[in-house]
Amino acid sequence: MIDPFANNHQSMQIGELVIENQQDKITIYGDIDLMLDASGYQQAQQLHELTTKIMQAFDKGAPYSSDAPESKKNDDQQDKKIDNPFL
């Protein structure tokens, strides 16, 4: 389970749903089919736990501010040109 908004390197997957953690946002993409069986129940529990943790992070954090760091500013890549190692 990720720690919402805590870092820029955690990710997790529930079914085909991918959740990527960053300090200023959570990115969720993909899809998930929740079947009415044990597997569906487990995935629903994971979604519930994740959304609960995200809401708790909002409750703990300062009011929503535009002063928060942007993910692109925290990116490892610095727009530097490098030689293509495959040429």
PDB file of N, CA and C in Angstrom:
ATOM      1  N   MET A   1       0.851  -1.184   0.000  1.00  0.00           N
ATOM      2  CA  MET A   1       0.000   0.000   0.000  1.00  0.00           C
ATOM      3  C   MET A   1       0.892   1.242   0.000  1.00  0.00           C
ATOM      4  N   ILE A   2       0.518   2.207  -0.803  1.00  0.00           N
ATOM      5  CA  ILE A   2       1.295   3.433  -0.877  1.00  0.00           C
ATOM      6  C   ILE A   2       0.997   4.344   0.311  1.00  0.00           C
ATOM      7  N   ASP A   3       1.884   5.287   0.542  1.00  0.00           N
ATOM      8  CA  ASP A   3       1.694   6.321   1.549  1.00  0.00           C
ATOM      9  C   ASP A   3       1.366   7.604   0.776  1.00  0.00           C
ATOM     10  N   PRO A   4       0.097   7.952   0.606  1.00  0.00           N
ATOM     11  CA  PRO A   4      -0.302   9.030  -0.299  1.00  0.00           C
ATOM     12  C   PRO A   4       0.438  10.347  -0.082  1.00  0.00           C
ATOM     13  N   PHE A   5       0.899  10.917  -1.184  1.00  0.00           N
ATOM     14  CA  PHE A   5       1.553  12.221  -1.240  1.00  0.00           C
ATOM     15  C   PHE A   5       2.877  12.272  -0.478  1.00  0.00           C
ATOM     16  N   ALA A   6       3.454  11.136  -0.128  1.00  0.00           N
ATOM     17  CA  ALA A   6       4.664  11.122   0.693  1.00  0.00           C
ATOM     18  C   ALA A   6       5.949  11.127  -0.127  1.00  0.00           C
ATOM     19  N   ASN A   7       5.896  10.664  -1.372  1.00  0.00           N
ATOM     20  CA  ASN A   7       7.121  10.559  -2.155  1.00  0.00           C
ATOM     21  C   ASN A   7       6.781  10.439  -3.633  1.00  0.00           C
ATOM     22  N   ASN A   8       7.807  10.370  -4.449  1.00  0.00           N
ATOM     23  CA  ASN A   8       7.616  10.301  -5.898  1.00  0.00           C
ATOM     24  C   ASN A   8       8.017   8.951  -6.473  1.00  0.00           C
ATOM     25  N   HIS A   9       8.045   7.907  -5.679  1.00  0.00           N
ATOM     26  CA  HIS A   9       8.529   6.638  -6.210  1.00  0.00           C
ATOM     27  C   HIS A   9       7.653   5.425  -5.917  1.00  0.00           C
ATOM     28  N   GLN A  10       6.566   5.576  -5.230  1.00  0.00           N
ATOM     29  CA  GLN A  10       5.718   4.425  -4.934  1.00  0.00           C
ATOM     30  C   GLN A  10       4.629   4.262  -5.990  1.00  0.00           C
ATOM     31  N   SER A  11       4.313   3.020  -6.274  1.00  0.00           N
ATOM     32  CA  SER A  11       3.157   2.723  -7.105  1.00  0.00           C
ATOM     33  C   SER A  11       2.589   1.386  -6.657  1.00  0.00           C
ATOM     34  N   MET A  12       1.362   1.126  -7.055  1.00  0.00           N
ATOM     35  CA  MET A  12       0.726  -0.140  -6.729  1.00  0.00           C
ATOM     36  C   MET A  12      -0.273  -0.462  -7.823  1.00  0.00           C
ATOM     37  N   GLN A  13      -0.751  -1.686  -7.815  1.00  0.00           N
ATOM     38  CA  GLN A  13      -1.717  -2.109  -8.816  1.00  0.00           C
ATOM     39  C   GLN A  13      -2.800  -2.940  -8.145  1.00  0.00           C
ATOM     40  N   ILE A  14      -4.035  -2.653  -8.520  1.00  0.00           N
ATOM     41  CA  ILE A  14      -5.184  -3.430  -8.083  1.00  0.00           C
ATOM     42  C   ILE A  14      -5.908  -3.845  -9.358  1.00  0.00           C
ATOM     43  N   GLY A  15      -5.903  -5.124  -9.654  1.00  0.00           N
ATOM     44  CA  GLY A  15      -6.407  -5.574 -10.945  1.00  0.00           C
ATOM     45  C   GLY A  15      -5.551  -4.947 -12.033  1.00  0.00           C
ATOM     46  N   GLU A  16      -6.180  -4.294 -12.990  1.00  0.00           N
ATOM     47  CA  GLU A  16      -5.443  -3.574 -14.034  1.00  0.00           C
ATOM     48  C   GLU A  16      -5.402  -2.075 -13.744  1.00  0.00           C
ATOM     49  N   LEU A  17      -5.789  -1.696 -12.534  1.00  0.00           N
ATOM     50  CA  LEU A  17      -5.786  -0.307 -12.113  1.00  0.00           C
ATOM     51  C   LEU A  17      -4.419   0.009 -11.517  1.00  0.00           C
ATOM     52  N   VAL A  18      -3.741   1.016 -12.061  1.00  0.00           N
ATOM     53  CA  VAL A  18      -2.412   1.399 -11.590  1.00  0.00           C
ATOM     54  C   VAL A  18      -2.530   2.708 -10.833  1.00  0.00           C
ATOM     55  N   ILE A  19      -1.898   2.764  -9.660  1.00  0.00           N
ATOM     56  CA  ILE A  19      -1.916   3.951  -8.823  1.00  0.00           C
ATOM     57  C   ILE A  19      -0.476   4.381  -8.630  1.00  0.00           C
ATOM     58  N   GLU A  20      -0.154   5.617  -9.055  1.00  0.00           N
ATOM     59  CA  GLU A  20       1.195   6.154  -8.910  1.00  0.00           C
ATOM     60  C   GLU A  20       1.166   7.290  -7.905  1.00  0.00           C
ATOM     61  N   ASN A  21       2.096   7.248  -6.981  1.00  0.00           N
ATOM     62  CA  ASN A  21       2.178   8.214  -5.897  1.00  0.00           C
ATOM     63  C   ASN A  21       3.179   9.304  -6.244  1.00  0.00           C
ATOM     64  N   GLN A  22       2.816  10.541  -5.996  1.00  0.00           N
ATOM     65  CA  GLN A  22       3.738  11.655  -6.112  1.00  0.00           C
ATOM     66  C   GLN A  22       3.459  12.591  -4.950  1.00  0.00           C
ATOM     67  N   GLN A  23       4.355  13.537  -4.729  1.00  0.00           N
ATOM     68  CA  GLN A  23       4.173  14.410  -3.577  1.00  0.00           C
ATOM     69  C   GLN A  23       3.014  15.378  -3.727  1.00  0.00           C
ATOM     70  N   ASP A  24       2.648  15.710  -4.962  1.00  0.00           N
ATOM     71  CA  ASP A  24       1.575  16.679  -5.145  1.00  0.00           C
ATOM     72  C   ASP A  24       0.330  16.096  -5.794  1.00  0.00           C
ATOM     73  N   LYS A  25       0.372  14.808  -6.171  1.00  0.00           N
ATOM     74  CA  LYS A  25      -0.808  14.207  -6.778  1.00  0.00           C
ATOM     75  C   LYS A  25      -0.721  12.688  -6.745  1.00  0.00           C
ATOM     76  N   ILE A  26      -1.868  12.069  -6.899  1.00  0.00           N
ATOM     77  CA  ILE A  26      -1.987  10.627  -7.057  1.00  0.00           C
ATOM     78  C   ILE A  26      -2.549  10.414  -8.461  1.00  0.00           C
ATOM     79  N   THR A  27      -1.884   9.610  -9.273  1.00  0.00           N
ATOM     80  CA  THR A  27      -2.352   9.333 -10.619  1.00  0.00           C
ATOM     81  C   THR A  27      -2.916   7.916 -10.652  1.00  0.00           C
ATOM     82  N   ILE A  28      -4.148   7.788 -11.132  1.00  0.00           N
ATOM     83  CA  ILE A  28      -4.816   6.488 -11.206  1.00  0.00           C
ATOM     84  C   ILE A  28      -5.265   6.279 -12.645  1.00  0.00           C
ATOM     85  N   TYR A  29      -4.858   5.147 -13.227  1.00  0.00           N
ATOM     86  CA  TYR A  29      -5.289   4.840 -14.593  1.00  0.00           C
ATOM     87  C   TYR A  29      -5.448   3.335 -14.765  1.00  0.00           C
ATOM     88  N   GLY A  30      -6.137   2.956 -15.816  1.00  0.00           N
ATOM     89  CA  GLY A  30      -6.408   1.547 -16.071  1.00  0.00           C
ATOM     90  C   GLY A  30      -7.860   1.241 -15.781  1.00  0.00           C
ATOM     91  N   ASP A  31      -8.145  -0.033 -15.588  1.00  0.00           N
ATOM     92  CA  ASP A  31      -9.512  -0.414 -15.265  1.00  0.00           C
ATOM     93  C   ASP A  31      -9.506  -1.604 -14.318  1.00  0.00           C
ATOM     94  N   ILE A  32     -10.648  -1.832 -13.753  1.00  0.00           N
ATOM     95  CA  ILE A  32     -10.782  -2.937 -12.808  1.00  0.00           C
ATOM     96  C   ILE A  32     -12.202  -3.483 -12.914  1.00  0.00           C
ATOM     97  N   ASP A  33     -12.313  -4.791 -12.897  1.00  0.00           N
ATOM     98  CA  ASP A  33     -13.617  -5.450 -12.857  1.00  0.00           C
ATOM     99  C   ASP A  33     -13.750  -6.092 -11.484  1.00  0.00           C
ATOM    100  N   LEU A  34     -14.681  -5.596 -10.707  1.00  0.00           N
ATOM    101  CA  LEU A  34     -14.928  -6.158  -9.384  1.00  0.00           C
ATOM    102  C   LEU A  34     -16.008  -7.218  -9.519  1.00  0.00           C
ATOM    103  N   MET A  35     -15.595  -8.444  -9.492  1.00  0.00           N
ATOM    104  CA  MET A  35     -16.530  -9.562  -9.602  1.00  0.00           C
ATOM    105  C   MET A  35     -17.111  -9.869  -8.217  1.00  0.00           C
ATOM    106  N   LEU A  36     -18.269 -10.425  -8.172  1.00  0.00           N
ATOM    107  CA  LEU A  36     -18.916 -10.761  -6.915  1.00  0.00           C
ATOM    108  C   LEU A  36     -18.382 -12.122  -6.448  1.00  0.00           C
ATOM    109  N   ASP A  37     -17.091 -12.118  -6.071  1.00  0.00           N
ATOM    110  CA  ASP A  37     -16.422 -13.320  -5.573  1.00  0.00           C
ATOM    111  C   ASP A  37     -15.321 -12.900  -4.603  1.00  0.00           C
ATOM    112  N   ALA A  38     -14.536 -13.854  -4.138  1.00  0.00           N
ATOM    113  CA  ALA A  38     -13.508 -13.577  -3.139  1.00  0.00           C
ATOM    114  C   ALA A  38     -12.449 -12.610  -3.670  1.00  0.00           C
ATOM    115  N   SER A  39     -12.060 -12.778  -4.922  1.00  0.00           N
ATOM    116  CA  SER A  39     -11.067 -11.890  -5.515  1.00  0.00           C
ATOM    117  C   SER A  39     -11.600 -10.458  -5.622  1.00  0.00           C
ATOM    118  N   GLY A  40     -12.844 -10.323  -6.061  1.00  0.00           N
ATOM    119  CA  GLY A  40     -13.468  -9.009  -6.150  1.00  0.00           C
ATOM    120  C   GLY A  40     -13.574  -8.341  -4.793  1.00  0.00           C
ATOM    121  N   TYR A  41     -13.895  -9.138  -3.787  1.00  0.00           N
ATOM    122  CA  TYR A  41     -13.988  -8.608  -2.423  1.00  0.00           C
ATOM    123  C   TYR A  41     -12.632  -8.078  -1.963  1.00  0.00           C
ATOM    124  N   GLN A  42     -11.578  -8.845  -2.228  1.00  0.00           N
ATOM    125  CA  GLN A  42     -10.226  -8.428  -1.830  1.00  0.00           C
ATOM    126  C   GLN A  42      -9.819  -7.136  -2.544  1.00  0.00           C
ATOM    127  N   GLN A  43     -10.132  -7.044  -3.831  1.00  0.00           N
ATOM    128  CA  GLN A  43      -9.798  -5.828  -4.574  1.00  0.00           C
ATOM    129  C   GLN A  43     -10.606  -4.633  -4.068  1.00  0.00           C
ATOM    130  N   ALA A  44     -11.869  -4.851  -3.745  1.00  0.00           N
ATOM    131  CA  ALA A  44     -12.697  -3.776  -3.200  1.00  0.00           C
ATOM    132  C   ALA A  44     -12.147  -3.307  -1.857  1.00  0.00           C
ATOM    133  N   GLN A  45     -11.666  -4.246  -1.049  1.00  0.00           N
ATOM    134  CA  GLN A  45     -11.060  -3.887   0.241  1.00  0.00           C
ATOM    135  C   GLN A  45      -9.814  -3.034   0.025  1.00  0.00           C
ATOM    136  N   GLN A  46      -8.986  -3.397  -0.962  1.00  0.00           N
ATOM    137  CA  GLN A  46      -7.778  -2.621  -1.262  1.00  0.00           C
ATOM    138  C   GLN A  46      -8.150  -1.212  -1.721  1.00  0.00           C
ATOM    139  N   LEU A  47      -9.156  -1.091  -2.573  1.00  0.00           N
ATOM    140  CA  LEU A  47      -9.601   0.224  -3.022  1.00  0.00           C
ATOM    141  C   LEU A  47     -10.117   1.063  -1.859  1.00  0.00           C
ATOM    142  N   HIS A  48     -10.867   0.418  -0.989  1.00  0.00           N
ATOM    143  CA  HIS A  48     -11.403   1.124   0.183  1.00  0.00           C
ATOM    144  C   HIS A  48     -10.263   1.617   1.078  1.00  0.00           C
ATOM    145  N   GLU A  49      -9.295   0.764   1.340  1.00  0.00           N
ATOM    146  CA  GLU A  49      -8.151   1.148   2.177  1.00  0.00           C
ATOM    147  C   GLU A  49      -7.367   2.286   1.527  1.00  0.00           C
ATOM    148  N   LEU A  50      -7.149   2.196   0.221  1.00  0.00           N
ATOM    149  CA  LEU A  50      -6.411   3.239  -0.491  1.00  0.00           C
ATOM    150  C   LEU A  50      -7.142   4.581  -0.425  1.00  0.00           C
ATOM    151  N   THR A  51      -8.435   4.585  -0.739  1.00  0.00           N
ATOM    152  CA  THR A  51      -9.170   5.853  -0.733  1.00  0.00           C
ATOM    153  C   THR A  51      -9.283   6.422   0.689  1.00  0.00           C
ATOM    154  N   THR A  52      -9.362   5.567   1.687  1.00  0.00           N
ATOM    155  CA  THR A  52      -9.371   6.031   3.074  1.00  0.00           C
ATOM    156  C   THR A  52      -8.054   6.730   3.404  1.00  0.00           C
ATOM    157  N   LYS A  53      -6.927   6.126   3.000  1.00  0.00           N
ATOM    158  CA  LYS A  53      -5.611   6.734   3.257  1.00  0.00           C
ATOM    159  C   LYS A  53      -5.453   8.059   2.511  1.00  0.00           C
ATOM    160  N   ILE A  54      -5.984   8.126   1.289  1.00  0.00           N
ATOM    161  CA  ILE A  54      -5.902   9.374   0.530  1.00  0.00           C
ATOM    162  C   ILE A  54      -6.708  10.460   1.224  1.00  0.00           C
ATOM    163  N   MET A  55      -7.917  10.134   1.671  1.00  0.00           N
ATOM    164  CA  MET A  55      -8.747  11.120   2.368  1.00  0.00           C
ATOM    165  C   MET A  55      -8.111  11.566   3.680  1.00  0.00           C
ATOM    166  N   GLN A  56      -7.469  10.646   4.390  1.00  0.00           N
ATOM    167  CA  GLN A  56      -6.772  11.007   5.628  1.00  0.00           C
ATOM    168  C   GLN A  56      -5.620  11.967   5.339  1.00  0.00           C
ATOM    169  N   ALA A  57      -4.922  11.761   4.217  1.00  0.00           N
ATOM    170  CA  ALA A  57      -3.838  12.668   3.842  1.00  0.00           C
ATOM    171  C   ALA A  57      -4.381  14.069   3.564  1.00  0.00           C
ATOM    172  N   PHE A  58      -5.551  14.150   2.916  1.00  0.00           N
ATOM    173  CA  PHE A  58      -6.169  15.455   2.695  1.00  0.00           C
ATOM    174  C   PHE A  58      -6.540  16.100   4.028  1.00  0.00           C
ATOM    175  N   ASP A  59      -7.074  15.312   4.958  1.00  0.00           N
ATOM    176  CA  ASP A  59      -7.474  15.852   6.254  1.00  0.00           C
ATOM    177  C   ASP A  59      -6.279  16.355   7.059  1.00  0.00           C
ATOM    178  N   LYS A  60      -5.145  15.667   6.946  1.00  0.00           N
ATOM    179  CA  LYS A  60      -3.930  16.052   7.687  1.00  0.00           C
ATOM    180  C   LYS A  60      -3.230  17.245   7.081  1.00  0.00           C
ATOM    181  N   GLY A  61      -3.296  17.353   5.746  1.00  0.00           N
ATOM    182  CA  GLY A  61      -2.552  18.382   5.034  1.00  0.00           C
ATOM    183  C   GLY A  61      -3.129  19.762   5.227  1.00  0.00           C
ATOM    184  N   ALA A  62      -2.322  20.735   4.829  1.00  0.00           N
ATOM    185  CA  ALA A  62      -2.774  22.122   4.859  1.00  0.00           C
ATOM    186  C   ALA A  62      -3.905  22.285   3.853  1.00  0.00           C
ATOM    187  N   PRO A  63      -4.658  23.356   3.974  1.00  0.00           N
ATOM    188  CA  PRO A  63      -5.690  23.593   2.957  1.00  0.00           C
ATOM    189  C   PRO A  63      -5.061  23.545   1.570  1.00  0.00           C
ATOM    190  N   TYR A  64      -5.825  23.149   0.619  1.00  0.00           N
ATOM    191  CA  TYR A  64      -5.331  22.914  -0.725  1.00  0.00           C
ATOM    192  C   TYR A  64      -4.702  24.192  -1.254  1.00  0.00           C
ATOM    193  N   SER A  65      -3.422  24.121  -1.534  1.00  0.00           N
ATOM    194  CA  SER A  65      -2.657  25.301  -1.877  1.00  0.00           C
ATOM    195  C   SER A  65      -1.967  25.146  -3.222  1.00  0.00           C
ATOM    196  N   SER A  66      -1.864  26.240  -3.953  1.00  0.00           N
ATOM    197  CA  SER A  66      -1.120  26.214  -5.209  1.00  0.00           C
ATOM    198  C   SER A  66       0.376  26.343  -4.946  1.00  0.00           C
ATOM    199  N   ASP A  67       0.773  26.509  -3.693  1.00  0.00           N
ATOM    200  CA  ASP A  67       2.189  26.605  -3.347  1.00  0.00           C
ATOM    201  C   ASP A  67       2.853  25.247  -3.227  1.00  0.00           C
ATOM    202  N   ALA A  68       2.089  24.168  -3.349  1.00  0.00           N
ATOM    203  CA  ALA A  68       2.644  22.820  -3.228  1.00  0.00           C
ATOM    204  C   ALA A  68       3.616  22.557  -4.368  1.00  0.00           C
ATOM    205  N   PRO A  69       4.665  21.750  -4.113  1.00  0.00           N
ATOM    206  CA  PRO A  69       5.635  21.464  -5.176  1.00  0.00           C
ATOM    207  C   PRO A  69       4.970  20.725  -6.326  1.00  0.00           C
ATOM    208  N   GLU A  70       5.397  21.020  -7.523  1.00  0.00           N
ATOM    209  CA  GLU A  70       4.851  20.348  -8.692  1.00  0.00           C
ATOM    210  C   GLU A  70       5.695  19.128  -8.999  1.00  0.00           C
ATOM    211  N   SER A  71       5.068  18.067  -9.442  1.00  0.00           N
ATOM    212  CA  SER A  71       5.768  16.824  -9.718  1.00  0.00           C
ATOM    213  C   SER A  71       6.872  17.005 -10.742  1.00  0.00           C
ATOM    214  N   LYS A  72       6.626  17.789 -11.772  1.00  0.00           N
ATOM    215  CA  LYS A  72       7.636  17.960 -12.803  1.00  0.00           C
ATOM    216  C   LYS A  72       8.889  18.626 -12.255  1.00  0.00           C
ATOM    217  N   LYS A  73       8.756  19.484 -11.273  1.00  0.00           N
ATOM    218  CA  LYS A  73       9.917  20.119 -10.674  1.00  0.00           C
ATOM    219  C   LYS A  73      10.736  19.108  -9.880  1.00  0.00           C
ATOM    220  N   ASN A  74      10.088  18.050  -9.411  1.00  0.00           N
ATOM    221  CA  ASN A  74      10.777  17.025  -8.627  1.00  0.00           C
ATOM    222  C   ASN A  74      11.237  15.859  -9.493  1.00  0.00           C
ATOM    223  N   ASP A  75      11.076  15.979 -10.792  1.00  0.00           N
ATOM    224  CA  ASP A  75      11.415  14.897 -11.703  1.00  0.00           C
ATOM    225  C   ASP A  75      12.926  14.692 -11.736  1.00  0.00           C
ATOM    226  N   ASP A  76      13.350  13.448 -11.927  1.00  0.00           N
ATOM    227  CA  ASP A  76      14.773  13.130 -12.006  1.00  0.00           C
ATOM    228  C   ASP A  76      15.403  13.664 -13.285  1.00  0.00           C
ATOM    229  N   GLN A  77      14.631  13.779 -14.336  1.00  0.00           N
ATOM    230  CA  GLN A  77      15.168  14.229 -15.612  1.00  0.00           C
ATOM    231  C   GLN A  77      15.245  15.742 -15.629  1.00  0.00           C
ATOM    232  N   GLN A  78      16.361  16.259 -16.142  1.00  0.00           N
ATOM    233  CA  GLN A  78      16.587  17.694 -16.106  1.00  0.00           C
ATOM    234  C   GLN A  78      16.714  18.304 -17.493  1.00  0.00           C
ATOM    235  N   ASP A  79      16.066  17.724 -18.476  1.00  0.00           N
ATOM    236  CA  ASP A  79      16.077  18.237 -19.844  1.00  0.00           C
ATOM    237  C   ASP A  79      17.484  18.395 -20.402  1.00  0.00           C
ATOM    238  N   LYS A  80      18.385  17.517 -19.992  1.00  0.00           N
ATOM    239  CA  LYS A  80      19.741  17.527 -20.525  1.00  0.00           C
ATOM    240  C   LYS A  80      19.819  16.531 -21.664  1.00  0.00           C
ATOM    241  N   LYS A  81      20.527  16.905 -22.717  1.00  0.00           N
ATOM    242  CA  LYS A  81      20.705  15.995 -23.837  1.00  0.00           C
ATOM    243  C   LYS A  81      21.828  15.026 -23.498  1.00  0.00           C
ATOM    244  N   ILE A  82      21.576  13.761 -23.794  1.00  0.00           N
ATOM    245  CA  ILE A  82      22.591  12.739 -23.586  1.00  0.00           C
ATOM    246  C   ILE A  82      22.750  11.946 -24.869  1.00  0.00           C
ATOM    247  N   ASP A  83      23.895  11.309 -25.025  1.00  0.00           N
ATOM    248  CA  ASP A  83      24.132  10.478 -26.199  1.00  0.00           C
ATOM    249  C   ASP A  83      23.217   9.262 -26.146  1.00  0.00           C
ATOM    250  N   ASN A  84      22.709   8.859 -27.308  1.00  0.00           N
ATOM    251  CA  ASN A  84      21.868   7.690 -27.410  1.00  0.00           C
ATOM    252  C   ASN A  84      22.747   6.441 -27.310  1.00  0.00           C
ATOM    253  N   PRO A  85      22.590   5.635 -26.271  1.00  0.00           N
ATOM    254  CA  PRO A  85      23.443   4.452 -26.104  1.00  0.00           C
ATOM    255  C   PRO A  85      23.124   3.339 -27.089  1.00  0.00           C
ATOM    256  N   PHE A  86      22.045   3.465 -27.852  1.00  0.00           N
ATOM    257  CA  PHE A  86      21.642   2.418 -28.779  1.00  0.00           C
ATOM    258  C   PHE A  86      22.128   2.668 -30.208  1.00  0.00           C
ATOM    259  N   LEU A  87      22.841   3.755 -30.424  1.00  0.00           N
ATOM    260  CA  LEU A  87      23.359   4.052 -31.771  1.00  0.00           C
ATOM    261  C   LEU A  87      24.747   3.488 -31.940  1.00  0.00           C
TER     262      LEU A  87
END
